[in-house]
Amino acid sequence: MAIQTLPDLWLFSDERNDAALEQALANLPCHSGFVFRHYHLEPKARRQRFEILAKIARKHGHFIAVSAKILDDPQWHQDAPQGCLDGVYGVRATGKLPAFPYLATAHDEAEMEAANSDGAAAVFISPVFATRSHPGSTVLGPEGFAKLAAKATMPAIALGGMTRERAAAMKCRRWGAIDGLAVPFP
């Protein structure tokens, strides 16, 4: 997929939102981002689920990234459909992974420095708000997000408890969510 810039809006897959993903992908604005994780599934079922979701994502022109943890699994590469990925999410891509744009995560200044030095194409800064993904974690809040985003040498994307309302209140155009985007987009 030839994309000049990365999307501003990102939907993350998870066990919690799995049942709503087909509809959520169809309802997202065209050319949004989709990060496939699905760590809860066994490799064969994960691959099958990915192919279903990737087909919908492609139909709407979405950027598709897959967790590096999944790409590290040798079973993932068996009969891999061509042109199904646009990026790698999570840990720094190793030499054995495809050379796709790397989408980093940062929870603190040290991880932001690593994302900058690793040449990430974008960085997901998290958790901005309390989230079910990381219960009890210290949240950055809008100010903490802004502080880390100011240190990024690439696009910074808010993640963690994000909703349309919170993104609007923060005047944040780049954001992602699991639950916050698994409902119909107006």
C-alpha atoms as a PDB file:
ATOM      1  CA  MET A   1       0.000   0.000   0.000  1.00  0.00           C
ATOM      2  CA  ALA A   2       1.520   3.307  -1.039  1.00  0.00           C
ATOM      3  CA  ILE A   3       0.769   5.811   1.709  1.00  0.00           C
ATOM      4  CA  GLN A   4       2.477   9.208   1.815  1.00  0.00           C
ATOM      5  CA  THR A   5       1.737   9.794   5.495  1.00  0.00           C
ATOM      6  CA  LEU A   6       0.621   7.600   8.343  1.00  0.00           C
ATOM      7  CA  PRO A   7      -3.024   7.723   9.444  1.00  0.00           C
ATOM      8  CA  ASP A   8      -4.151   9.921  12.318  1.00  0.00           C
ATOM      9  CA  LEU A   9      -6.766   7.470  13.649  1.00  0.00           C
ATOM     10  CA  TRP A  10      -5.851   3.914  14.772  1.00  0.00           C
ATOM     11  CA  LEU A  11      -7.968   0.919  15.812  1.00  0.00           C
ATOM     12  CA  PHE A  12      -6.205  -1.776  17.846  1.00  0.00           C
ATOM     13  CA  SER A  13      -7.441  -5.359  17.889  1.00  0.00           C
ATOM     14  CA  ASP A  14      -7.899  -7.156  21.170  1.00  0.00           C
ATOM     15  CA  GLU A  15      -9.867 -10.019  22.648  1.00  0.00           C
ATOM     16  CA  ARG A  16     -12.292  -7.453  24.109  1.00  0.00           C
ATOM     17  CA  ASN A  17     -13.286  -5.869  20.810  1.00  0.00           C
ATOM     18  CA  ASP A  18     -12.986  -8.915  18.550  1.00  0.00           C
ATOM     19  CA  ALA A  19     -16.726  -9.352  18.006  1.00  0.00           C
ATOM     20  CA  ALA A  20     -17.065  -5.722  16.864  1.00  0.00           C
ATOM     21  CA  LEU A  21     -14.002  -5.479  14.611  1.00  0.00           C
ATOM     22  CA  GLU A  22     -15.626  -6.123  11.234  1.00  0.00           C
ATOM     23  CA  GLN A  23     -18.134  -3.331  11.834  1.00  0.00           C
ATOM     24  CA  ALA A  24     -15.557  -1.038  13.439  1.00  0.00           C
ATOM     25  CA  LEU A  25     -13.196  -1.377  10.446  1.00  0.00           C
ATOM     26  CA  ALA A  26     -16.044  -0.674   8.050  1.00  0.00           C
ATOM     27  CA  ASN A  27     -17.152   2.367  10.068  1.00  0.00           C
ATOM     28  CA  LEU A  28     -13.734   3.999  10.454  1.00  0.00           C
ATOM     29  CA  PRO A  29     -12.973   6.868   8.099  1.00  0.00           C
ATOM     30  CA  CYS A  30     -11.175   5.589   4.999  1.00  0.00           C
ATOM     31  CA  HIS A  31      -7.394   5.418   5.293  1.00  0.00           C
ATOM     32  CA  SER A  32      -7.363   4.969   9.074  1.00  0.00           C
ATOM     33  CA  GLY A  33      -4.867   2.643  10.759  1.00  0.00           C
ATOM     34  CA  PHE A  34      -5.441  -0.878  12.073  1.00  0.00           C
ATOM     35  CA  VAL A  35      -3.048  -2.627  14.464  1.00  0.00           C
ATOM     36  CA  PHE A  36      -3.610  -6.383  14.615  1.00  0.00           C
ATOM     37  CA  ARG A  37      -2.531  -8.078  17.852  1.00  0.00           C
ATOM     38  CA  HIS A  38      -4.965 -10.865  18.820  1.00  0.00           C
ATOM     39  CA  TYR A  39      -2.524 -12.429  21.265  1.00  0.00           C
ATOM     40  CA  HIS A  40      -5.352 -14.501  22.747  1.00  0.00           C
ATOM     41  CA  LEU A  41      -5.656 -16.787  19.692  1.00  0.00           C
ATOM     42  CA  GLU A  42      -3.529 -19.771  18.765  1.00  0.00           C
ATOM     43  CA  PRO A  43      -1.362 -19.154  15.653  1.00  0.00           C
ATOM     44  CA  LYS A  44      -3.623 -20.850  13.076  1.00  0.00           C
ATOM     45  CA  ALA A  45      -6.791 -19.158  14.361  1.00  0.00           C
ATOM     46  CA  ARG A  46      -4.905 -15.845  14.641  1.00  0.00           C
ATOM     47  CA  ARG A  47      -3.829 -16.078  11.011  1.00  0.00           C
ATOM     48  CA  GLN A  48      -7.374 -16.891   9.863  1.00  0.00           C
ATOM     49  CA  ARG A  49      -8.794 -14.000  11.860  1.00  0.00           C
ATOM     50  CA  PHE A  50      -6.182 -11.660  10.445  1.00  0.00           C
ATOM     51  CA  GLU A  51      -7.043 -12.590   6.862  1.00  0.00           C
ATOM     52  CA  ILE A  52     -10.735 -11.827   7.455  1.00  0.00           C
ATOM     53  CA  LEU A  53      -9.981  -8.480   9.073  1.00  0.00           C
ATOM     54  CA  ALA A  54      -7.246  -7.509   6.601  1.00  0.00           C
ATOM     55  CA  LYS A  55      -9.646  -7.996   3.697  1.00  0.00           C
ATOM     56  CA  ILE A  56     -12.098  -5.527   5.277  1.00  0.00           C
ATOM     57  CA  ALA A  57      -9.310  -3.114   6.159  1.00  0.00           C
ATOM     58  CA  ARG A  58      -7.955  -3.177   2.593  1.00  0.00           C
ATOM     59  CA  LYS A  59     -11.441  -2.552   1.183  1.00  0.00           C
ATOM     60  CA  HIS A  60     -11.499   0.731   3.132  1.00  0.00           C
ATOM     61  CA  GLY A  61      -7.906   1.691   2.382  1.00  0.00           C
ATOM     62  CA  HIS A  62      -6.709   1.269   5.966  1.00  0.00           C
ATOM     63  CA  PHE A  63      -3.033   1.020   6.893  1.00  0.00           C
ATOM     64  CA  ILE A  64      -2.424  -2.437   8.416  1.00  0.00           C
ATOM     65  CA  ALA A  65       0.233  -3.054  11.056  1.00  0.00           C
ATOM     66  CA  VAL A  66       0.884  -6.324  12.871  1.00  0.00           C
ATOM     67  CA  SER A  67       2.544  -6.795  16.226  1.00  0.00           C
ATOM     68  CA  ALA A  68       6.201  -7.774  15.967  1.00  0.00           C
ATOM     69  CA  LYS A  69       5.483 -10.498  18.553  1.00  0.00           C
ATOM     70  CA  ILE A  70       3.179 -12.141  16.025  1.00  0.00           C
ATOM     71  CA  LEU A  71       5.556 -11.652  13.105  1.00  0.00           C
ATOM     72  CA  ASP A  72       8.318 -13.367  15.079  1.00  0.00           C
ATOM     73  CA  ASP A  73       6.235 -16.568  15.079  1.00  0.00           C
ATOM     74  CA  PRO A  74       7.460 -18.827  12.210  1.00  0.00           C
ATOM     75  CA  GLN A  75       3.927 -20.193  11.753  1.00  0.00           C
ATOM     76  CA  TRP A  76       2.749 -16.704  10.796  1.00  0.00           C
ATOM     77  CA  HIS A  77       4.837 -16.748   7.621  1.00  0.00           C
ATOM     78  CA  GLN A  78       3.443 -19.979   6.212  1.00  0.00           C
ATOM     79  CA  ASP A  79       1.337 -19.136   3.159  1.00  0.00           C
ATOM     80  CA  ALA A  80       1.396 -15.441   3.997  1.00  0.00           C
ATOM     81  CA  PRO A  81      -0.766 -13.448   1.586  1.00  0.00           C
ATOM     82  CA  GLN A  82       1.221 -10.892  -0.384  1.00  0.00           C
ATOM     83  CA  GLY A  83       0.645  -7.212   0.272  1.00  0.00           C
ATOM     84  CA  CYS A  84      -1.156  -7.765   3.564  1.00  0.00           C
ATOM     85  CA  LEU A  85       1.055  -5.556   5.765  1.00  0.00           C
ATOM     86  CA  ASP A  86       2.081  -1.923   5.815  1.00  0.00           C
ATOM     87  CA  GLY A  87       3.862  -1.709   9.177  1.00  0.00           C
ATOM     88  CA  VAL A  88       5.211  -3.465  12.272  1.00  0.00           C
ATOM     89  CA  TYR A  89       3.977  -2.471  15.731  1.00  0.00           C
ATOM     90  CA  GLY A  90       5.580  -2.854  19.139  1.00  0.00           C
ATOM     91  CA  VAL A  91       9.109  -3.973  19.781  1.00  0.00           C
ATOM     92  CA  ARG A  92      11.885  -2.834  17.469  1.00  0.00           C
ATOM     93  CA  ALA A  93      11.835  -4.836  14.253  1.00  0.00           C
ATOM     94  CA  THR A  94      14.704  -7.286  14.012  1.00  0.00           C
ATOM     95  CA  GLY A  95      16.578  -8.242  10.861  1.00  0.00           C
ATOM     96  CA  LYS A  96      14.395 -11.309  10.392  1.00  0.00           C
ATOM     97  CA  LEU A  97      11.210  -9.239  10.183  1.00  0.00           C
ATOM     98  CA  PRO A  98      10.075  -7.518   6.986  1.00  0.00           C
ATOM     99  CA  ALA A  99      11.390  -4.014   6.393  1.00  0.00           C
ATOM    100  CA  PHE A 100       8.163  -2.131   7.108  1.00  0.00           C
ATOM    101  CA  PRO A 101       7.674   1.153   8.899  1.00  0.00           C
ATOM    102  CA  TYR A 102       8.203   0.561  12.600  1.00  0.00           C
ATOM    103  CA  LEU A 103       5.490   1.889  14.931  1.00  0.00           C
ATOM    104  CA  ALA A 104       6.957   2.239  18.420  1.00  0.00           C
ATOM    105  CA  THR A 105       5.367   2.551  21.829  1.00  0.00           C
ATOM    106  CA  ALA A 106       6.519   4.858  24.602  1.00  0.00           C
ATOM    107  CA  HIS A 107       5.360   4.977  28.198  1.00  0.00           C
ATOM    108  CA  ASP A 108       8.184   7.167  29.496  1.00  0.00           C
ATOM    109  CA  GLU A 109      11.157   9.292  28.429  1.00  0.00           C
ATOM    110  CA  ALA A 110      13.540   6.320  28.088  1.00  0.00           C
ATOM    111  CA  GLU A 111      11.170   4.554  25.667  1.00  0.00           C
ATOM    112  CA  MET A 112      10.700   7.806  23.757  1.00  0.00           C
ATOM    113  CA  GLU A 113      14.466   8.148  23.401  1.00  0.00           C
ATOM    114  CA  ALA A 114      14.614   4.554  22.136  1.00  0.00           C
ATOM    115  CA  ALA A 115      11.846   5.210  19.589  1.00  0.00           C
ATOM    116  CA  ASN A 116      13.721   8.284  18.360  1.00  0.00           C
ATOM    117  CA  SER A 117      17.063   6.483  18.076  1.00  0.00           C
ATOM    118  CA  ASP A 118      15.499   3.391  16.462  1.00  0.00           C
ATOM    119  CA  GLY A 119      14.034   5.472  13.643  1.00  0.00           C
ATOM    120  CA  ALA A 120      10.378   4.750  14.350  1.00  0.00           C
ATOM    121  CA  ALA A 121       7.924   6.055  11.756  1.00  0.00           C
ATOM    122  CA  ALA A 122       5.464   6.942  14.548  1.00  0.00           C
ATOM    123  CA  VAL A 123       5.148   6.437  18.295  1.00  0.00           C
ATOM    124  CA  PHE A 124       2.085   5.487  20.328  1.00  0.00           C
ATOM    125  CA  ILE A 125       2.323   7.278  23.680  1.00  0.00           C
ATOM    126  CA  SER A 126       0.433   5.443  26.391  1.00  0.00           C
ATOM    127  CA  PRO A 127      -1.483   5.326  28.648  1.00  0.00           C
ATOM    128  CA  VAL A 128      -2.894   8.824  28.379  1.00  0.00           C
ATOM    129  CA  PHE A 129      -5.937   7.867  30.482  1.00  0.00           C
ATOM    130  CA  ALA A 130      -6.873   4.860  32.608  1.00  0.00           C
ATOM    131  CA  THR A 131      -7.372   1.816  30.434  1.00  0.00           C
ATOM    132  CA  ARG A 132      -8.586  -1.732  30.811  1.00  0.00           C
ATOM    133  CA  SER A 133      -5.477  -2.914  28.946  1.00  0.00           C
ATOM    134  CA  HIS A 134      -3.214  -1.858  31.803  1.00  0.00           C
ATOM    135  CA  PRO A 135      -5.356  -1.638  34.949  1.00  0.00           C
ATOM    136  CA  GLY A 136      -3.738   0.272  37.766  1.00  0.00           C
ATOM    137  CA  SER A 137      -0.972   1.712  35.582  1.00  0.00           C
ATOM    138  CA  THR A 138       0.120   5.273  36.160  1.00  0.00           C
ATOM    139  CA  VAL A 139      -1.491   7.441  33.507  1.00  0.00           C
ATOM    140  CA  LEU A 140       0.255  10.280  31.711  1.00  0.00           C
ATOM    141  CA  GLY A 141      -2.758  12.536  31.380  1.00  0.00           C
ATOM    142  CA  PRO A 142      -2.973  15.130  28.619  1.00  0.00           C
ATOM    143  CA  GLU A 143      -0.001  17.080  30.034  1.00  0.00           C
ATOM    144  CA  GLY A 144       2.227  14.019  30.268  1.00  0.00           C
ATOM    145  CA  PHE A 145       1.264  13.043  26.737  1.00  0.00           C
ATOM    146  CA  ALA A 146       2.136  16.546  25.471  1.00  0.00           C
ATOM    147  CA  LYS A 147       5.478  16.459  27.299  1.00  0.00           C
ATOM    148  CA  LEU A 148       6.491  13.119  25.737  1.00  0.00           C
ATOM    149  CA  ALA A 149       5.081  14.065  22.322  1.00  0.00           C
ATOM    150  CA  ALA A 150       7.265  17.182  22.318  1.00  0.00           C
ATOM    151  CA  LYS A 151      10.327  14.908  22.532  1.00  0.00           C
ATOM    152  CA  ALA A 152       9.263  12.755  19.560  1.00  0.00           C
ATOM    153  CA  THR A 153      11.093  13.136  16.258  1.00  0.00           C
ATOM    154  CA  MET A 154       8.170  11.445  14.494  1.00  0.00           C
ATOM    155  CA  PRO A 155       4.353  11.650  14.674  1.00  0.00           C
ATOM    156  CA  ALA A 156       3.114  11.031  18.234  1.00  0.00           C
ATOM    157  CA  ILE A 157      -0.187   9.198  18.652  1.00  0.00           C
ATOM    158  CA  ALA A 158      -2.216   9.235  21.889  1.00  0.00           C
ATOM    159  CA  LEU A 159      -3.250   5.804  23.165  1.00  0.00           C
ATOM    160  CA  GLY A 160      -4.794   4.475  26.341  1.00  0.00           C
ATOM    161  CA  GLY A 161      -8.347   5.257  27.353  1.00  0.00           C
ATOM    162  CA  MET A 162      -8.794   7.456  24.304  1.00  0.00           C
ATOM    163  CA  THR A 163     -12.232   8.265  22.922  1.00  0.00           C
ATOM    164  CA  ARG A 164     -13.449  10.750  20.324  1.00  0.00           C
ATOM    165  CA  GLU A 165     -14.504  13.076  23.130  1.00  0.00           C
ATOM    166  CA  ARG A 166     -11.140  12.924  24.904  1.00  0.00           C
ATOM    167  CA  ALA A 167      -9.226  13.434  21.655  1.00  0.00           C
ATOM    168  CA  ALA A 168     -11.389  16.500  20.884  1.00  0.00           C
ATOM    169  CA  ALA A 169     -10.920  17.904  24.396  1.00  0.00           C
ATOM    170  CA  MET A 170      -7.131  17.466  24.036  1.00  0.00           C
ATOM    171  CA  LYS A 171      -7.207  18.923  20.502  1.00  0.00           C
ATOM    172  CA  CYS A 172      -5.356  15.762  19.559  1.00  0.00           C
ATOM    173  CA  ARG A 173      -5.768  14.750  15.931  1.00  0.00           C
ATOM    174  CA  ARG A 174      -3.603  11.602  16.192  1.00  0.00           C
ATOM    175  CA  TRP A 175      -5.014   8.940  18.491  1.00  0.00           C
ATOM    176  CA  GLY A 176      -5.811   5.256  18.759  1.00  0.00           C
ATOM    177  CA  ALA A 177      -8.037   3.006  20.823  1.00  0.00           C
ATOM    178  CA  ILE A 178      -9.304  -0.507  21.445  1.00  0.00           C
ATOM    179  CA  ASP A 179     -12.664   0.092  23.067  1.00  0.00           C
ATOM    180  CA  GLY A 180     -12.995   3.735  22.034  1.00  0.00           C
ATOM    181  CA  LEU A 181     -13.262   2.856  18.338  1.00  0.00           C
ATOM    182  CA  ALA A 182     -15.058  -0.475  18.517  1.00  0.00           C
ATOM    183  CA  VAL A 183     -18.420   1.300  18.285  1.00  0.00           C
ATOM    184  CA  PRO A 184     -19.896   2.941  15.174  1.00  0.00           C
ATOM    185  CA  PHE A 185     -18.115   6.072  14.039  1.00  0.00           C
ATOM    186  CA  PRO A 186     -20.478   9.003  13.434  1.00  0.00           C
END
